C-alpha atoms as a PDB file:
ATOM      1  CA  MET A   1     -35.950 -24.268  -8.477  1.00  0.00           C
ATOM      2  CA  ALA A   2     -33.061 -26.697  -8.882  1.00  0.00           C
ATOM      3  CA  LYS A   3     -29.630 -25.890  -7.544  1.00  0.00           C
ATOM      4  CA  ALA A   4     -26.979 -25.203 -10.137  1.00  0.00           C
ATOM      5  CA  LYS A   5     -24.535 -28.061 -10.485  1.00  0.00           C
ATOM      6  CA  PHE A   6     -20.894 -27.302 -10.975  1.00  0.00           C
ATOM      7  CA  ASP A   7     -18.504 -29.587 -12.720  1.00  0.00           C
ATOM      8  CA  LEU A   8     -15.036 -29.743 -11.179  1.00  0.00           C
ATOM      9  CA  ASP A   9     -13.555 -28.751 -14.550  1.00  0.00           C
ATOM     10  CA  GLN A  10     -15.355 -25.412 -14.300  1.00  0.00           C
ATOM     11  CA  LEU A  11     -13.828 -24.603 -10.925  1.00  0.00           C
ATOM     12  CA  ILE A  12     -10.252 -25.834 -11.301  1.00  0.00           C
ATOM     13  CA  PRO A  13      -8.126 -25.321 -14.397  1.00  0.00           C
ATOM     14  CA  SER A  14      -6.773 -28.430 -16.012  1.00  0.00           C
ATOM     15  CA  PRO A  15      -3.210 -29.500 -15.189  1.00  0.00           C
ATOM     16  CA  ASP A  16      -2.241 -28.753 -18.789  1.00  0.00           C
ATOM     17  CA  GLU A  17      -3.378 -25.141 -18.413  1.00  0.00           C
ATOM     18  CA  LEU A  18      -1.406 -24.781 -15.206  1.00  0.00           C
ATOM     19  CA  LEU A  19       1.771 -26.393 -16.519  1.00  0.00           C
ATOM     20  CA  LEU A  20       1.757 -25.015 -20.045  1.00  0.00           C
ATOM     21  CA  LYS A  21       0.952 -21.373 -19.243  1.00  0.00           C
ATOM     22  CA  PRO A  22       2.802 -18.957 -21.477  1.00  0.00           C
ATOM     23  CA  LYS A  23       5.855 -17.604 -19.690  1.00  0.00           C
ATOM     24  CA  ALA A  24       4.989 -14.038 -20.706  1.00  0.00           C
ATOM     25  CA  THR A  25       1.979 -14.133 -18.393  1.00  0.00           C
ATOM     26  CA  VAL A  26       4.092 -15.200 -15.436  1.00  0.00           C
ATOM     27  CA  ALA A  27       6.721 -12.551 -16.210  1.00  0.00           C
ATOM     28  CA  SER A  28       4.137  -9.787 -16.550  1.00  0.00           C
ATOM     29  CA  VAL A  29       2.573 -10.749 -13.227  1.00  0.00           C
ATOM     30  CA  ALA A  30       6.007 -10.725 -11.584  1.00  0.00           C
ATOM     31  CA  SER A  31       6.819  -7.277 -12.983  1.00  0.00           C
ATOM     32  CA  THR A  32       3.460  -5.918 -11.813  1.00  0.00           C
ATOM     33  CA  VAL A  33       4.058  -7.267  -8.296  1.00  0.00           C
ATOM     34  CA  ALA A  34       7.577  -5.783  -8.267  1.00  0.00           C
ATOM     35  CA  GLN A  35       6.263  -2.390  -9.378  1.00  0.00           C
ATOM     36  CA  GLU A  36       3.560  -2.396  -6.681  1.00  0.00           C
ATOM     37  CA  ALA A  37       6.189  -3.256  -4.081  1.00  0.00           C
ATOM     38  CA  LYS A  38       8.286  -0.255  -5.173  1.00  0.00           C
ATOM     39  CA  GLU A  39       5.314   2.087  -4.920  1.00  0.00           C
ATOM     40  CA  SER A  40       4.411   1.063  -1.374  1.00  0.00           C
ATOM     41  CA  VAL A  41       7.781   1.449   0.353  1.00  0.00           C
ATOM     42  CA  LEU A  42       7.289   2.337   4.003  1.00  0.00           C
ATOM     43  CA  ILE A  43       9.884   4.407   5.852  1.00  0.00           C
ATOM     44  CA  LYS A  44      10.087   4.532   9.637  1.00  0.00           C
ATOM     45  CA  PHE A  45      10.363   7.936  11.254  1.00  0.00           C
ATOM     46  CA  SER A  46       9.916   9.350  14.718  1.00  0.00           C
ATOM     47  CA  ASN A  47       8.341  12.505  15.983  1.00  0.00           C
ATOM     48  CA  GLN A  48       6.673  13.890  19.078  1.00  0.00           C
ATOM     49  CA  LEU A  49       2.996  14.630  19.728  1.00  0.00           C
ATOM     50  CA  PRO A  50       1.185  16.109  22.697  1.00  0.00           C
ATOM     51  CA  ALA A  51       0.069  13.307  25.047  1.00  0.00           C
ATOM     52  CA  GLU A  52      -3.617  14.060  24.450  1.00  0.00           C
ATOM     53  CA  THR A  53      -3.205  13.895  20.671  1.00  0.00           C
ATOM     54  CA  LEU A  54      -1.381  10.569  20.862  1.00  0.00           C
ATOM     55  CA  GLN A  55      -4.070   9.161  23.143  1.00  0.00           C
ATOM     56  CA  ARG A  56      -6.822  10.260  20.730  1.00  0.00           C
ATOM     57  CA  LEU A  57      -4.858   8.782  17.804  1.00  0.00           C
ATOM     58  CA  GLN A  58      -4.513   5.443  19.596  1.00  0.00           C
ATOM     59  CA  GLN A  59      -8.193   5.411  20.552  1.00  0.00           C
ATOM     60  CA  PHE A  60      -9.310   6.237  17.015  1.00  0.00           C
ATOM     61  CA  SER A  61      -6.960   3.635  15.573  1.00  0.00           C
ATOM     62  CA  PHE A  62      -8.377   0.961  17.870  1.00  0.00           C
ATOM     63  CA  TRP A  63     -12.071   1.744  17.357  1.00  0.00           C
ATOM     64  CA  SER A  64     -11.781   2.266  13.598  1.00  0.00           C
ATOM     65  CA  HIS A  65      -9.773  -0.981  13.186  1.00  0.00           C
ATOM     66  CA  GLU A  66      -7.030   0.853  11.295  1.00  0.00           C
ATOM     67  CA  THR A  67      -3.318   1.009  11.964  1.00  0.00           C
ATOM     68  CA  ILE A  68      -1.817   4.214  13.289  1.00  0.00           C
ATOM     69  CA  GLY A  69       0.270   4.360  10.112  1.00  0.00           C
ATOM     70  CA  ASP A  70      -2.852   4.240   7.930  1.00  0.00           C
ATOM     71  CA  VAL A  71      -4.533   6.965  10.013  1.00  0.00           C
ATOM     72  CA  LEU A  72      -1.439   9.189   9.856  1.00  0.00           C
ATOM     73  CA  ASP A  73      -1.037   8.621   6.125  1.00  0.00           C
ATOM     74  CA  ALA A  74      -4.658   9.586   5.425  1.00  0.00           C
ATOM     75  CA  ALA A  75      -4.490  12.623   7.719  1.00  0.00           C
ATOM     76  CA  ILE A  76      -1.205  13.938   6.343  1.00  0.00           C
ATOM     77  CA  THR A  77      -2.272  13.331   2.747  1.00  0.00           C
ATOM     78  CA  ALA A  78      -5.521  15.245   3.353  1.00  0.00           C
ATOM     79  CA  TYR A  79      -3.607  18.071   5.055  1.00  0.00           C
ATOM     80  CA  LEU A  80      -1.131  18.413   2.176  1.00  0.00           C
ATOM     81  CA  GLU A  81      -3.812  18.470  -0.560  1.00  0.00           C
ATOM     82  CA  GLY A  82      -3.877  21.856  -2.244  1.00  0.00           C
ATOM     83  CA  LYS A  83      -0.574  22.991  -0.724  1.00  0.00           C
ATOM     84  CA  PRO A  84       1.816  23.612  -3.646  1.00  0.00           C
ATOM     85  CA  GLU A  85       4.830  23.689  -1.306  1.00  0.00           C
ATOM     86  CA  ALA A  86       4.335  19.962  -0.675  1.00  0.00           C
ATOM     87  CA  ASP A  87       5.011  19.177  -4.331  1.00  0.00           C
ATOM     88  CA  ARG A  88       8.051  21.428  -4.765  1.00  0.00           C
ATOM     89  CA  ALA A  89      11.334  19.539  -4.867  1.00  0.00           C
ATOM     90  CA  LEU A  90      13.878  20.307  -2.167  1.00  0.00           C
ATOM     91  CA  PRO A  91      17.141  22.046  -3.111  1.00  0.00           C
ATOM     92  CA  ALA A  92      19.916  19.511  -3.732  1.00  0.00           C
ATOM     93  CA  LYS A  93      21.762  20.293  -0.481  1.00  0.00           C
ATOM     94  CA  GLN A  94      18.625  19.834   1.648  1.00  0.00           C
ATOM     95  CA  ALA A  95      17.603  16.699  -0.267  1.00  0.00           C
ATOM     96  CA  ALA A  96      21.008  15.136   0.450  1.00  0.00           C
ATOM     97  CA  ARG A  97      20.684  15.912   4.180  1.00  0.00           C
ATOM     98  CA  ARG A  98      17.185  14.398   4.400  1.00  0.00           C
ATOM     99  CA  ARG A  99      17.786  11.306   2.268  1.00  0.00           C
ATOM    100  CA  ARG A 100      17.210   7.999   4.035  1.00  0.00           C
ATOM    101  CA  GLY A 101      18.214   4.471   3.269  1.00  0.00           C
END
């Protein structure tokens, strides 16, 4: 069976296509990237854990090739599933005290 031959034109767009792209496409891509950046804002916080729990977290993070932040996010998200209190807005006074940034 013969190998498929690729023409360079099939792999790389022509310079005209690259230079004369409609600006709407570029703008829509930029707005999508900006929206994704807003949705994935990370906030630093500190807390305390028992030494054994922290050690297990570090070990799991290493062996699973995940960051501690990713492990914590998945664990906390799973814990909060089905808990209606997690989706209730804070009273205005408490929200003002806990606001960051």
